[in-house]
N, C-alpha and C. Protein backbone atom coordinates (compact mmCIF):
# COMPACT_ATOMS: atom_id res chain seq x y z
N MET A 1 27.68 16.81 13.00
CA MET A 1 26.38 16.81 12.33
C MET A 1 26.55 16.65 10.82
N LEU A 2 25.64 15.89 10.24
CA LEU A 2 25.66 15.69 8.79
C LEU A 2 24.23 15.66 8.29
N PHE A 3 24.01 16.26 7.13
CA PHE A 3 22.67 16.32 6.55
C PHE A 3 22.78 16.05 5.05
N ARG A 4 21.98 15.12 4.55
CA ARG A 4 21.97 14.81 3.12
C ARG A 4 20.54 14.86 2.59
N GLN A 5 20.40 15.49 1.44
CA GLN A 5 19.14 15.48 0.70
C GLN A 5 19.34 14.60 -0.53
N LEU A 6 18.51 13.57 -0.65
CA LEU A 6 18.63 12.58 -1.72
C LEU A 6 17.39 12.64 -2.61
N PHE A 7 17.51 12.14 -3.84
CA PHE A 7 16.42 12.33 -4.81
C PHE A 7 16.17 11.05 -5.58
N ASP A 8 14.89 10.73 -5.75
CA ASP A 8 14.46 9.64 -6.62
C ASP A 8 13.77 10.24 -7.83
N ALA A 9 14.39 10.08 -9.00
CA ALA A 9 13.88 10.74 -10.21
C ALA A 9 12.54 10.18 -10.67
N ASN A 10 12.31 8.89 -10.48
CA ASN A 10 11.06 8.29 -10.98
C ASN A 10 9.83 8.88 -10.32
N SER A 11 9.92 9.17 -9.03
CA SER A 11 8.77 9.72 -8.32
C SER A 11 8.97 11.17 -7.87
N SER A 12 10.10 11.74 -8.23
CA SER A 12 10.47 13.10 -7.79
C SER A 12 10.38 13.24 -6.27
N THR A 13 10.76 12.16 -5.57
CA THR A 13 10.72 12.15 -4.11
C THR A 13 12.05 12.60 -3.53
N LEU A 14 11.97 13.46 -2.54
CA LEU A 14 13.14 13.90 -1.80
C LEU A 14 13.19 13.15 -0.47
N THR A 15 14.32 12.49 -0.23
CA THR A 15 14.57 11.73 0.99
C THR A 15 15.65 12.45 1.78
N TYR A 16 15.54 12.41 3.11
CA TYR A 16 16.47 13.17 3.95
C TYR A 16 17.13 12.27 4.98
N LEU A 17 18.44 12.40 5.09
CA LEU A 17 19.23 11.70 6.09
C LEU A 17 19.80 12.74 7.05
N ILE A 18 19.47 12.59 8.34
CA ILE A 18 19.94 13.52 9.36
C ILE A 18 20.81 12.75 10.34
N VAL A 19 22.01 13.26 10.58
CA VAL A 19 22.99 12.56 11.42
C VAL A 19 23.51 13.51 12.49
N GLY A 20 23.47 13.05 13.75
CA GLY A 20 24.05 13.83 14.83
C GLY A 20 25.54 13.60 14.95
N LYS A 21 26.19 14.34 15.85
CA LYS A 21 27.64 14.23 16.03
C LYS A 21 28.05 12.83 16.49
N ASP A 22 27.15 12.12 17.15
CA ASP A 22 27.46 10.77 17.65
C ASP A 22 27.12 9.69 16.63
N ARG A 23 26.78 10.10 15.41
CA ARG A 23 26.47 9.21 14.28
C ARG A 23 25.16 8.46 14.43
N HIS A 24 24.34 8.84 15.39
CA HIS A 24 22.96 8.37 15.39
C HIS A 24 22.20 9.15 14.33
N ALA A 25 21.28 8.46 13.63
CA ALA A 25 20.67 9.07 12.45
C ALA A 25 19.20 8.69 12.31
N VAL A 26 18.50 9.51 11.51
CA VAL A 26 17.15 9.17 11.05
C VAL A 26 17.11 9.41 9.55
N ILE A 27 16.18 8.73 8.90
CA ILE A 27 15.96 8.96 7.47
C ILE A 27 14.46 9.21 7.27
N ILE A 28 14.13 10.17 6.42
CA ILE A 28 12.75 10.58 6.20
C ILE A 28 12.35 10.27 4.76
N ASP A 29 11.23 9.57 4.60
CA ASP A 29 10.61 9.26 3.31
C ASP A 29 11.55 8.54 2.33
N PRO A 30 12.10 7.40 2.73
CA PRO A 30 12.94 6.64 1.80
C PRO A 30 12.11 5.90 0.76
N VAL A 31 12.70 5.70 -0.39
CA VAL A 31 12.03 5.05 -1.53
C VAL A 31 12.63 3.66 -1.73
N LEU A 32 11.77 2.66 -1.88
CA LEU A 32 12.25 1.29 -1.96
C LEU A 32 13.27 1.08 -3.07
N GLU A 33 13.04 1.68 -4.23
CA GLU A 33 13.96 1.50 -5.35
C GLU A 33 15.35 2.06 -5.05
N GLN A 34 15.43 2.94 -4.08
CA GLN A 34 16.72 3.54 -3.72
C GLN A 34 17.36 2.86 -2.50
N LEU A 35 16.85 1.70 -2.12
CA LEU A 35 17.39 1.01 -0.95
C LEU A 35 18.89 0.75 -1.06
N PRO A 36 19.42 0.24 -2.17
CA PRO A 36 20.87 0.00 -2.24
C PRO A 36 21.68 1.28 -2.01
N ARG A 37 21.23 2.38 -2.59
CA ARG A 37 21.94 3.65 -2.40
C ARG A 37 21.94 4.05 -0.93
N ASP A 38 20.77 3.96 -0.28
CA ASP A 38 20.66 4.44 1.09
C ASP A 38 21.42 3.54 2.07
N VAL A 39 21.34 2.23 1.87
CA VAL A 39 22.07 1.30 2.74
C VAL A 39 23.57 1.52 2.58
N ALA A 40 24.03 1.68 1.35
CA ALA A 40 25.46 1.91 1.12
C ALA A 40 25.93 3.20 1.79
N LEU A 41 25.11 4.24 1.73
CA LEU A 41 25.48 5.51 2.36
C LEU A 41 25.54 5.36 3.88
N ILE A 42 24.54 4.72 4.46
CA ILE A 42 24.52 4.52 5.91
C ILE A 42 25.73 3.72 6.37
N LYS A 43 26.07 2.67 5.64
CA LYS A 43 27.22 1.84 6.02
C LYS A 43 28.54 2.58 5.81
N SER A 44 28.65 3.32 4.73
CA SER A 44 29.91 4.01 4.45
C SER A 44 30.20 5.09 5.48
N LEU A 45 29.15 5.66 6.06
CA LEU A 45 29.33 6.71 7.06
C LEU A 45 29.40 6.14 8.48
N GLY A 46 29.21 4.83 8.61
CA GLY A 46 29.28 4.20 9.92
C GLY A 46 28.18 4.66 10.86
N LEU A 47 26.94 4.75 10.34
CA LEU A 47 25.84 5.32 11.11
C LEU A 47 25.06 4.26 11.87
N HIS A 48 24.46 4.71 12.97
CA HIS A 48 23.45 3.92 13.67
C HIS A 48 22.09 4.55 13.33
N LEU A 49 21.32 3.87 12.48
CA LEU A 49 20.02 4.41 12.06
C LEU A 49 18.98 4.07 13.13
N ASP A 50 18.51 5.09 13.82
CA ASP A 50 17.55 4.89 14.91
C ASP A 50 16.11 4.77 14.39
N PHE A 51 15.73 5.67 13.46
CA PHE A 51 14.35 5.71 13.00
C PHE A 51 14.27 5.85 11.49
N VAL A 52 13.26 5.19 10.92
CA VAL A 52 12.84 5.44 9.54
C VAL A 52 11.49 6.14 9.63
N LEU A 53 11.44 7.38 9.19
CA LEU A 53 10.26 8.22 9.36
C LEU A 53 9.54 8.41 8.03
N ASP A 54 8.27 8.07 7.99
CA ASP A 54 7.44 8.41 6.84
C ASP A 54 6.52 9.56 7.22
N THR A 55 6.32 10.49 6.29
CA THR A 55 5.43 11.62 6.55
C THR A 55 3.96 11.27 6.36
N HIS A 56 3.68 10.19 5.60
CA HIS A 56 2.30 9.75 5.38
C HIS A 56 2.35 8.46 4.58
N VAL A 57 1.20 7.90 4.29
CA VAL A 57 1.12 6.72 3.41
C VAL A 57 1.18 7.23 1.97
N HIS A 58 2.29 6.98 1.32
CA HIS A 58 2.52 7.52 -0.02
C HIS A 58 1.70 6.78 -1.07
N ALA A 59 1.29 7.52 -2.09
CA ALA A 59 0.52 6.94 -3.19
C ALA A 59 1.30 6.85 -4.48
N ASP A 60 2.52 7.41 -4.51
CA ASP A 60 3.26 7.48 -5.78
C ASP A 60 4.55 6.68 -5.77
N HIS A 61 4.89 6.08 -4.64
CA HIS A 61 6.05 5.19 -4.58
C HIS A 61 5.90 4.28 -3.37
N ILE A 62 6.68 3.22 -3.34
CA ILE A 62 6.67 2.32 -2.19
C ILE A 62 7.80 2.71 -1.24
N THR A 63 7.46 2.83 0.01
CA THR A 63 8.45 3.21 1.01
C THR A 63 9.47 2.10 1.25
N ALA A 64 10.66 2.49 1.63
CA ALA A 64 11.70 1.54 2.01
C ALA A 64 11.73 1.33 3.52
N SER A 65 10.66 1.70 4.22
CA SER A 65 10.68 1.66 5.68
C SER A 65 11.01 0.28 6.23
N ASN A 66 10.23 -0.73 5.87
CA ASN A 66 10.49 -2.06 6.41
C ASN A 66 11.80 -2.64 5.90
N ALA A 67 12.14 -2.34 4.66
CA ALA A 67 13.39 -2.84 4.10
C ALA A 67 14.59 -2.28 4.87
N LEU A 68 14.55 -0.98 5.20
CA LEU A 68 15.64 -0.38 5.98
C LEU A 68 15.64 -0.90 7.40
N LYS A 69 14.46 -1.16 7.95
CA LYS A 69 14.38 -1.75 9.28
C LYS A 69 15.10 -3.10 9.31
N LEU A 70 14.87 -3.92 8.29
CA LEU A 70 15.51 -5.23 8.23
C LEU A 70 17.02 -5.12 8.04
N GLU A 71 17.45 -4.12 7.29
CA GLU A 71 18.88 -3.93 7.02
C GLU A 71 19.63 -3.35 8.20
N THR A 72 18.97 -2.51 8.99
CA THR A 72 19.70 -1.72 9.99
C THR A 72 19.21 -1.90 11.43
N GLY A 73 18.03 -2.47 11.62
CA GLY A 73 17.47 -2.57 12.96
C GLY A 73 16.76 -1.31 13.43
N ALA A 74 16.55 -0.34 12.54
CA ALA A 74 15.88 0.90 12.90
C ALA A 74 14.40 0.65 13.22
N VAL A 75 13.81 1.60 13.93
CA VAL A 75 12.39 1.57 14.26
C VAL A 75 11.62 2.31 13.17
N SER A 76 10.59 1.68 12.63
CA SER A 76 9.78 2.32 11.59
C SER A 76 8.66 3.13 12.24
N VAL A 77 8.40 4.31 11.66
CA VAL A 77 7.55 5.30 12.32
C VAL A 77 6.62 5.94 11.31
N ILE A 78 5.35 6.15 11.72
CA ILE A 78 4.37 6.88 10.91
C ILE A 78 3.31 7.40 11.86
N ALA A 79 2.38 8.21 11.36
CA ALA A 79 1.31 8.75 12.21
C ALA A 79 0.30 7.68 12.57
N LYS A 80 -0.21 7.76 13.79
CA LYS A 80 -1.28 6.85 14.21
C LYS A 80 -2.49 6.98 13.31
N ASN A 81 -2.79 8.21 12.88
CA ASN A 81 -3.98 8.44 12.07
C ASN A 81 -3.88 7.88 10.65
N CYS A 82 -2.72 7.36 10.28
CA CYS A 82 -2.60 6.71 8.97
C CYS A 82 -3.29 5.35 8.96
N GLY A 83 -3.49 4.75 10.12
CA GLY A 83 -4.08 3.42 10.17
C GLY A 83 -3.20 2.39 9.48
N ALA A 84 -1.90 2.51 9.64
CA ALA A 84 -0.93 1.65 8.96
C ALA A 84 -0.36 0.65 9.96
N PRO A 85 -0.81 -0.62 9.92
CA PRO A 85 -0.38 -1.59 10.93
C PRO A 85 1.04 -2.11 10.75
N GLY A 86 1.68 -1.77 9.63
CA GLY A 86 3.00 -2.34 9.37
C GLY A 86 4.16 -1.58 9.97
N TYR A 87 3.89 -0.66 10.89
CA TYR A 87 4.94 0.16 11.48
C TYR A 87 5.12 -0.16 12.96
N ASP A 88 6.33 0.09 13.47
CA ASP A 88 6.65 -0.18 14.87
C ASP A 88 6.06 0.85 15.82
N ARG A 89 6.09 2.10 15.42
CA ARG A 89 5.68 3.18 16.32
C ARG A 89 4.73 4.12 15.58
N LEU A 90 3.61 4.42 16.22
CA LEU A 90 2.58 5.27 15.64
C LEU A 90 2.52 6.58 16.42
N LEU A 91 2.73 7.68 15.73
CA LEU A 91 2.96 8.97 16.37
C LEU A 91 1.71 9.82 16.48
N MET A 92 1.71 10.65 17.52
CA MET A 92 0.69 11.67 17.71
C MET A 92 1.34 13.04 17.64
N ASP A 93 0.51 14.06 17.50
CA ASP A 93 0.99 15.43 17.39
C ASP A 93 1.86 15.82 18.59
N ASP A 94 2.95 16.51 18.30
CA ASP A 94 3.85 17.12 19.28
C ASP A 94 4.70 16.11 20.05
N GLU A 95 4.75 14.86 19.60
CA GLU A 95 5.71 13.93 20.18
C GLU A 95 7.13 14.34 19.79
N VAL A 96 8.08 13.91 20.58
CA VAL A 96 9.49 14.19 20.31
C VAL A 96 10.24 12.86 20.24
N LEU A 97 10.98 12.67 19.15
CA LEU A 97 11.81 11.49 18.98
C LEU A 97 13.26 11.87 19.25
N HIS A 98 13.95 11.05 20.02
CA HIS A 98 15.35 11.30 20.34
C HIS A 98 16.23 10.31 19.60
N PHE A 99 17.23 10.81 18.90
CA PHE A 99 18.23 9.95 18.27
C PHE A 99 19.61 10.47 18.66
N GLY A 100 20.27 9.68 19.53
CA GLY A 100 21.50 10.17 20.11
C GLY A 100 21.23 11.44 20.89
N ALA A 101 22.04 12.45 20.67
CA ALA A 101 21.87 13.73 21.35
C ALA A 101 20.90 14.66 20.64
N GLU A 102 20.38 14.25 19.51
CA GLU A 102 19.48 15.08 18.72
C GLU A 102 18.02 14.71 18.99
N GLN A 103 17.12 15.62 18.61
CA GLN A 103 15.71 15.32 18.73
C GLN A 103 14.95 15.92 17.54
N ILE A 104 13.83 15.31 17.23
CA ILE A 104 13.00 15.75 16.13
C ILE A 104 11.55 15.78 16.61
N ARG A 105 10.85 16.87 16.32
CA ARG A 105 9.49 17.06 16.82
C ARG A 105 8.47 16.74 15.74
N VAL A 106 7.39 16.12 16.16
CA VAL A 106 6.32 15.71 15.26
C VAL A 106 5.25 16.80 15.22
N ILE A 107 4.84 17.19 14.02
CA ILE A 107 3.76 18.16 13.84
C ILE A 107 2.70 17.50 12.97
N ALA A 108 1.55 17.21 13.54
CA ALA A 108 0.46 16.60 12.77
C ALA A 108 -0.15 17.66 11.85
N THR A 109 -0.21 17.33 10.55
CA THR A 109 -0.72 18.28 9.56
C THR A 109 -1.68 17.58 8.61
N PRO A 110 -2.85 17.15 9.10
CA PRO A 110 -3.82 16.50 8.20
C PRO A 110 -4.26 17.42 7.08
N GLY A 111 -4.58 16.81 5.96
CA GLY A 111 -5.01 17.59 4.80
C GLY A 111 -4.73 16.84 3.52
N HIS A 112 -3.45 16.61 3.23
CA HIS A 112 -3.11 15.76 2.08
C HIS A 112 -3.65 14.36 2.32
N THR A 113 -3.39 13.82 3.49
CA THR A 113 -4.05 12.62 4.01
C THR A 113 -4.41 12.91 5.46
N LEU A 114 -5.28 12.08 6.01
CA LEU A 114 -5.66 12.27 7.41
C LEU A 114 -4.46 12.13 8.33
N GLY A 115 -3.50 11.28 7.96
CA GLY A 115 -2.36 11.01 8.82
C GLY A 115 -1.08 11.72 8.44
N SER A 116 -1.15 12.79 7.69
CA SER A 116 0.07 13.48 7.27
C SER A 116 0.77 14.14 8.46
N LEU A 117 2.10 14.03 8.46
CA LEU A 117 2.95 14.64 9.48
C LEU A 117 4.02 15.51 8.84
N CYS A 118 4.50 16.49 9.60
CA CYS A 118 5.76 17.17 9.30
C CYS A 118 6.70 16.89 10.46
N TYR A 119 8.00 16.99 10.19
CA TYR A 119 9.01 16.76 11.22
C TYR A 119 9.89 18.00 11.32
N MET A 120 10.10 18.47 12.55
CA MET A 120 10.91 19.65 12.81
C MET A 120 12.21 19.25 13.49
N TRP A 121 13.32 19.60 12.86
CA TRP A 121 14.64 19.34 13.42
C TRP A 121 15.46 20.61 13.36
N ARG A 122 15.86 21.10 14.52
CA ARG A 122 16.60 22.37 14.61
C ARG A 122 15.84 23.46 13.85
N ASP A 123 16.46 24.04 12.81
CA ASP A 123 15.79 25.11 12.06
C ASP A 123 15.20 24.60 10.75
N ARG A 124 14.98 23.28 10.65
CA ARG A 124 14.57 22.68 9.38
C ARG A 124 13.25 21.92 9.55
N LEU A 125 12.36 22.16 8.61
CA LEU A 125 11.04 21.56 8.63
C LEU A 125 10.90 20.65 7.41
N PHE A 126 10.56 19.39 7.66
CA PHE A 126 10.40 18.40 6.59
C PHE A 126 8.91 18.16 6.42
N THR A 127 8.39 18.61 5.29
CA THR A 127 6.94 18.80 5.16
C THR A 127 6.22 17.72 4.37
N GLY A 128 6.94 16.72 3.86
CA GLY A 128 6.25 15.69 3.08
C GLY A 128 5.45 16.30 1.95
N ASP A 129 4.17 15.92 1.86
CA ASP A 129 3.29 16.46 0.82
C ASP A 129 2.34 17.51 1.36
N THR A 130 2.61 18.04 2.55
CA THR A 130 1.73 19.07 3.10
C THR A 130 1.99 20.41 2.44
N LEU A 131 3.15 20.96 2.67
CA LEU A 131 3.52 22.25 2.08
C LEU A 131 4.76 22.04 1.23
N MET A 132 4.66 22.43 -0.05
CA MET A 132 5.79 22.29 -0.96
C MET A 132 6.27 23.67 -1.38
N ILE A 133 7.22 23.71 -2.28
CA ILE A 133 7.73 24.98 -2.76
C ILE A 133 6.77 25.54 -3.80
N ASN A 134 6.10 26.61 -3.45
CA ASN A 134 5.08 27.24 -4.29
C ASN A 134 3.95 26.28 -4.65
N ALA A 135 3.63 25.39 -3.73
CA ALA A 135 2.55 24.42 -3.97
C ALA A 135 2.20 23.77 -2.64
N CYS A 136 1.30 22.80 -2.71
CA CYS A 136 1.00 21.95 -1.56
C CYS A 136 0.45 20.64 -2.12
N GLY A 137 0.37 19.64 -1.28
CA GLY A 137 -0.11 18.35 -1.74
C GLY A 137 -1.59 18.38 -2.08
N ARG A 138 -1.99 17.47 -2.95
CA ARG A 138 -3.40 17.36 -3.34
C ARG A 138 -4.22 16.84 -2.17
N THR A 139 -5.52 17.05 -2.24
CA THR A 139 -6.40 16.68 -1.12
C THR A 139 -7.62 15.88 -1.57
N ASP A 140 -7.51 15.22 -2.72
CA ASP A 140 -8.71 14.61 -3.32
C ASP A 140 -8.78 13.10 -3.16
N PHE A 141 -7.92 12.49 -2.33
CA PHE A 141 -8.06 11.06 -2.03
C PHE A 141 -7.40 10.76 -0.69
N GLN A 142 -7.50 9.50 -0.22
CA GLN A 142 -6.90 9.07 1.06
C GLN A 142 -7.34 9.95 2.24
N SER A 143 -8.64 10.19 2.33
CA SER A 143 -9.21 11.00 3.41
C SER A 143 -8.64 12.42 3.43
N GLY A 144 -8.24 12.90 2.25
CA GLY A 144 -7.74 14.27 2.16
C GLY A 144 -8.84 15.28 2.39
N SER A 145 -8.44 16.48 2.78
CA SER A 145 -9.39 17.55 3.05
C SER A 145 -8.72 18.89 2.82
N ALA A 146 -9.25 19.66 1.89
CA ALA A 146 -8.69 20.99 1.64
C ALA A 146 -8.88 21.89 2.85
N GLU A 147 -10.00 21.75 3.54
CA GLU A 147 -10.24 22.56 4.74
C GLU A 147 -9.20 22.25 5.82
N GLN A 148 -8.95 20.96 6.05
CA GLN A 148 -7.93 20.59 7.03
C GLN A 148 -6.54 21.05 6.60
N MET A 149 -6.25 20.94 5.32
CA MET A 149 -4.96 21.39 4.81
C MET A 149 -4.75 22.87 5.10
N TYR A 150 -5.78 23.67 4.87
CA TYR A 150 -5.67 25.10 5.10
C TYR A 150 -5.32 25.38 6.56
N HIS A 151 -6.02 24.72 7.47
CA HIS A 151 -5.76 24.95 8.89
C HIS A 151 -4.37 24.44 9.29
N SER A 152 -3.96 23.29 8.74
CA SER A 152 -2.64 22.75 9.07
C SER A 152 -1.53 23.71 8.65
N ILE A 153 -1.64 24.24 7.44
CA ILE A 153 -0.59 25.12 6.93
C ILE A 153 -0.60 26.46 7.65
N THR A 154 -1.77 27.08 7.75
CA THR A 154 -1.82 28.45 8.30
C THR A 154 -1.66 28.49 9.81
N GLU A 155 -2.13 27.46 10.51
CA GLU A 155 -2.14 27.50 11.97
C GLU A 155 -0.98 26.73 12.61
N LYS A 156 -0.33 25.84 11.85
CA LYS A 156 0.73 25.03 12.44
C LYS A 156 2.09 25.25 11.79
N LEU A 157 2.10 25.60 10.50
CA LEU A 157 3.37 25.82 9.80
C LEU A 157 3.69 27.30 9.62
N PHE A 158 2.72 28.08 9.21
CA PHE A 158 2.97 29.51 8.99
C PHE A 158 3.19 30.29 10.28
N VAL A 159 3.00 29.66 11.43
CA VAL A 159 3.30 30.32 12.70
C VAL A 159 4.75 30.11 13.13
N LEU A 160 5.47 29.26 12.41
CA LEU A 160 6.89 29.05 12.69
C LEU A 160 7.69 30.27 12.24
N PRO A 161 8.90 30.46 12.75
CA PRO A 161 9.71 31.60 12.32
C PRO A 161 9.90 31.63 10.81
N ASP A 162 9.88 32.82 10.24
CA ASP A 162 10.00 32.96 8.79
C ASP A 162 11.27 32.32 8.24
N GLU A 163 12.34 32.32 9.04
CA GLU A 163 13.62 31.79 8.56
C GLU A 163 13.69 30.26 8.64
N THR A 164 12.65 29.61 9.12
CA THR A 164 12.63 28.15 9.16
C THR A 164 12.79 27.59 7.76
N LEU A 165 13.77 26.73 7.56
CA LEU A 165 14.01 26.14 6.24
C LEU A 165 12.97 25.06 5.97
N LEU A 166 12.45 25.05 4.76
CA LEU A 166 11.40 24.12 4.37
C LEU A 166 11.93 23.15 3.33
N TYR A 167 11.90 21.86 3.69
CA TYR A 167 12.35 20.81 2.80
C TYR A 167 11.15 19.92 2.46
N PRO A 168 10.68 19.98 1.21
CA PRO A 168 9.46 19.26 0.84
C PRO A 168 9.72 17.79 0.51
N GLY A 169 8.64 17.02 0.44
CA GLY A 169 8.75 15.62 0.08
C GLY A 169 8.88 15.40 -1.41
N HIS A 170 8.48 16.39 -2.20
CA HIS A 170 8.58 16.30 -3.66
C HIS A 170 8.88 17.68 -4.22
N ASP A 171 9.53 17.70 -5.36
CA ASP A 171 9.55 18.88 -6.21
C ASP A 171 9.77 18.42 -7.64
N TYR A 172 9.02 19.01 -8.54
CA TYR A 172 9.02 18.57 -9.94
C TYR A 172 9.72 19.57 -10.86
N LYS A 173 10.34 20.60 -10.26
CA LYS A 173 10.95 21.66 -11.06
C LYS A 173 12.40 21.91 -10.67
N GLY A 174 13.01 20.96 -9.98
CA GLY A 174 14.42 21.09 -9.65
C GLY A 174 14.72 21.94 -8.43
N ARG A 175 13.69 22.39 -7.73
CA ARG A 175 13.91 23.19 -6.52
C ARG A 175 14.13 22.26 -5.33
N ARG A 176 14.89 22.72 -4.34
CA ARG A 176 15.27 21.82 -3.26
C ARG A 176 15.01 22.36 -1.86
N VAL A 177 14.88 23.66 -1.69
CA VAL A 177 14.65 24.20 -0.35
C VAL A 177 14.00 25.57 -0.46
N SER A 178 13.13 25.85 0.48
CA SER A 178 12.50 27.16 0.60
C SER A 178 12.55 27.55 2.07
N CYS A 179 11.71 28.49 2.47
CA CYS A 179 11.59 28.84 3.88
C CYS A 179 10.16 29.27 4.15
N ILE A 180 9.78 29.26 5.40
CA ILE A 180 8.41 29.59 5.77
C ILE A 180 8.04 31.00 5.32
N GLY A 181 8.94 31.95 5.50
CA GLY A 181 8.65 33.33 5.10
C GLY A 181 8.35 33.45 3.62
N GLU A 182 9.13 32.74 2.80
CA GLU A 182 8.91 32.79 1.35
C GLU A 182 7.56 32.19 0.98
N GLU A 183 7.21 31.07 1.60
CA GLU A 183 5.93 30.43 1.25
C GLU A 183 4.74 31.27 1.73
N LYS A 184 4.87 31.92 2.86
CA LYS A 184 3.81 32.80 3.34
C LYS A 184 3.57 33.95 2.37
N LEU A 185 4.63 34.36 1.69
CA LEU A 185 4.54 35.51 0.79
C LEU A 185 4.21 35.13 -0.64
N LEU A 186 4.77 33.99 -1.12
CA LEU A 186 4.75 33.72 -2.55
C LEU A 186 4.00 32.46 -2.98
N ASN A 187 3.63 31.59 -2.06
CA ASN A 187 2.99 30.33 -2.47
C ASN A 187 1.65 30.62 -3.13
N THR A 188 1.54 30.30 -4.42
CA THR A 188 0.38 30.72 -5.20
C THR A 188 -0.91 30.01 -4.81
N ARG A 189 -0.82 28.89 -4.11
CA ARG A 189 -2.04 28.20 -3.71
C ARG A 189 -2.62 28.74 -2.41
N ILE A 190 -1.77 29.22 -1.50
CA ILE A 190 -2.29 29.56 -0.18
C ILE A 190 -1.87 30.93 0.35
N ALA A 191 -0.81 31.51 -0.14
CA ALA A 191 -0.36 32.81 0.39
C ALA A 191 -1.44 33.87 0.19
N GLY A 192 -1.89 34.47 1.27
CA GLY A 192 -2.88 35.53 1.20
C GLY A 192 -4.28 35.09 0.86
N LYS A 193 -4.52 33.78 0.82
CA LYS A 193 -5.84 33.27 0.44
C LYS A 193 -6.71 33.04 1.67
N THR A 194 -8.01 33.26 1.51
CA THR A 194 -8.95 32.83 2.53
C THR A 194 -9.13 31.32 2.42
N LYS A 195 -9.73 30.73 3.45
CA LYS A 195 -9.99 29.30 3.39
C LYS A 195 -10.88 28.96 2.20
N GLU A 196 -11.87 29.78 1.95
CA GLU A 196 -12.79 29.51 0.84
C GLU A 196 -12.06 29.57 -0.50
N GLU A 197 -11.18 30.54 -0.67
CA GLU A 197 -10.41 30.65 -1.91
C GLU A 197 -9.50 29.44 -2.08
N PHE A 198 -8.86 29.03 -0.99
CA PHE A 198 -7.96 27.87 -1.05
C PHE A 198 -8.74 26.61 -1.41
N VAL A 199 -9.87 26.39 -0.80
CA VAL A 199 -10.68 25.19 -1.09
C VAL A 199 -11.10 25.19 -2.55
N THR A 200 -11.47 26.33 -3.08
CA THR A 200 -11.86 26.41 -4.49
C THR A 200 -10.69 26.04 -5.40
N ILE A 201 -9.49 26.53 -5.08
CA ILE A 201 -8.30 26.19 -5.87
C ILE A 201 -8.05 24.69 -5.82
N MET A 202 -8.07 24.12 -4.62
CA MET A 202 -7.75 22.70 -4.47
C MET A 202 -8.80 21.81 -5.14
N ASN A 203 -10.05 22.19 -5.04
CA ASN A 203 -11.11 21.39 -5.65
C ASN A 203 -11.12 21.50 -7.17
N GLY A 204 -10.40 22.46 -7.73
CA GLY A 204 -10.37 22.63 -9.17
C GLY A 204 -9.09 22.16 -9.84
N LEU A 205 -8.22 21.44 -9.12
CA LEU A 205 -6.95 21.02 -9.70
C LEU A 205 -7.10 19.96 -10.77
N ASN A 206 -8.03 19.04 -10.60
CA ASN A 206 -8.30 18.00 -11.61
C ASN A 206 -7.04 17.25 -12.01
N LEU A 207 -6.33 16.75 -11.03
CA LEU A 207 -5.08 16.03 -11.28
C LEU A 207 -5.34 14.57 -11.62
N ALA A 208 -4.46 13.99 -12.40
CA ALA A 208 -4.57 12.57 -12.74
C ALA A 208 -4.28 11.71 -11.51
N THR A 209 -4.88 10.53 -11.48
CA THR A 209 -4.62 9.58 -10.40
C THR A 209 -3.18 9.11 -10.47
N PRO A 210 -2.46 9.08 -9.34
CA PRO A 210 -1.08 8.58 -9.38
C PRO A 210 -1.00 7.18 -9.98
N ARG A 211 -0.03 6.97 -10.83
CA ARG A 211 0.08 5.73 -11.60
C ARG A 211 0.20 4.50 -10.71
N LEU A 212 0.89 4.62 -9.59
CA LEU A 212 1.17 3.47 -8.74
C LEU A 212 0.25 3.36 -7.53
N ILE A 213 -0.81 4.14 -7.47
CA ILE A 213 -1.59 4.23 -6.24
C ILE A 213 -2.13 2.88 -5.78
N HIS A 214 -2.58 2.04 -6.69
CA HIS A 214 -3.20 0.78 -6.28
C HIS A 214 -2.16 -0.24 -5.80
N GLU A 215 -0.93 -0.06 -6.17
CA GLU A 215 0.16 -0.89 -5.67
C GLU A 215 0.78 -0.27 -4.42
N ALA A 216 0.98 1.04 -4.47
CA ALA A 216 1.74 1.71 -3.42
C ALA A 216 0.99 1.79 -2.09
N VAL A 217 -0.28 2.16 -2.13
CA VAL A 217 -0.99 2.37 -0.87
C VAL A 217 -1.10 1.09 -0.04
N PRO A 218 -1.54 -0.05 -0.60
CA PRO A 218 -1.57 -1.27 0.21
C PRO A 218 -0.19 -1.67 0.73
N ALA A 219 0.83 -1.55 -0.10
CA ALA A 219 2.18 -1.89 0.33
C ALA A 219 2.64 -0.98 1.45
N ASN A 220 2.34 0.31 1.34
CA ASN A 220 2.83 1.27 2.33
C ASN A 220 2.08 1.18 3.65
N LEU A 221 0.84 0.73 3.63
CA LEU A 221 0.14 0.48 4.90
C LEU A 221 0.84 -0.61 5.69
N ALA A 222 1.53 -1.47 4.98
CA ALA A 222 2.30 -2.56 5.62
C ALA A 222 3.77 -2.20 5.75
N GLY A 223 4.12 -0.92 5.62
CA GLY A 223 5.50 -0.49 5.79
C GLY A 223 6.36 -0.69 4.57
N GLY A 224 5.74 -0.95 3.44
CA GLY A 224 6.49 -1.12 2.19
C GLY A 224 6.63 -2.58 1.77
N VAL A 225 6.03 -3.51 2.53
CA VAL A 225 6.05 -4.93 2.16
C VAL A 225 5.11 -5.13 0.98
N ARG A 226 5.62 -5.76 -0.08
CA ARG A 226 4.78 -6.00 -1.25
C ARG A 226 4.19 -7.39 -1.23
């Protein structure tokens, strides 16, 4: 087994490479600008990349999904609810993907976007922009919903064992891993909050529009083709 956490500084995106003992692998949320790095790593380790997994249609960077598919023959994957026609396989809640002897479970977590997913592998949860370290993804565009986000986090993620490791899709403060128990206790946006309190917090964030949104979203609906 091999596990790598990779980082794109321009978008503060965390990408994950998961490899089983038989060298079958998946990669989660790859960034197009990091394609040379990721292809070189896959080749140097002699991996068979089975799936390229996106957690949602990203608004802050262009995915390397289709580019990695062309380089490796992997199957590109995203949620059916994303409405993204550029992917090979469209996932529903609680599906299981098998890569070699390993498996990864799909958890639908609408809120940041209607089609947001988390992926569960062994004791590790890859949360994209749903639940972050002491934060969560914004809910003010791309069919986002603070109400749905609250239910996704409290009813689908916070019910997991406290020791479940949490690997977010972004972090802007140099943090790299948390756990469900810590976020249930310390996450300032949702820990101990009612749904009404959470919605008020999310509706008052007043965040700037992502710089690349008008380029990234159309490209990512097509799997990263520009």
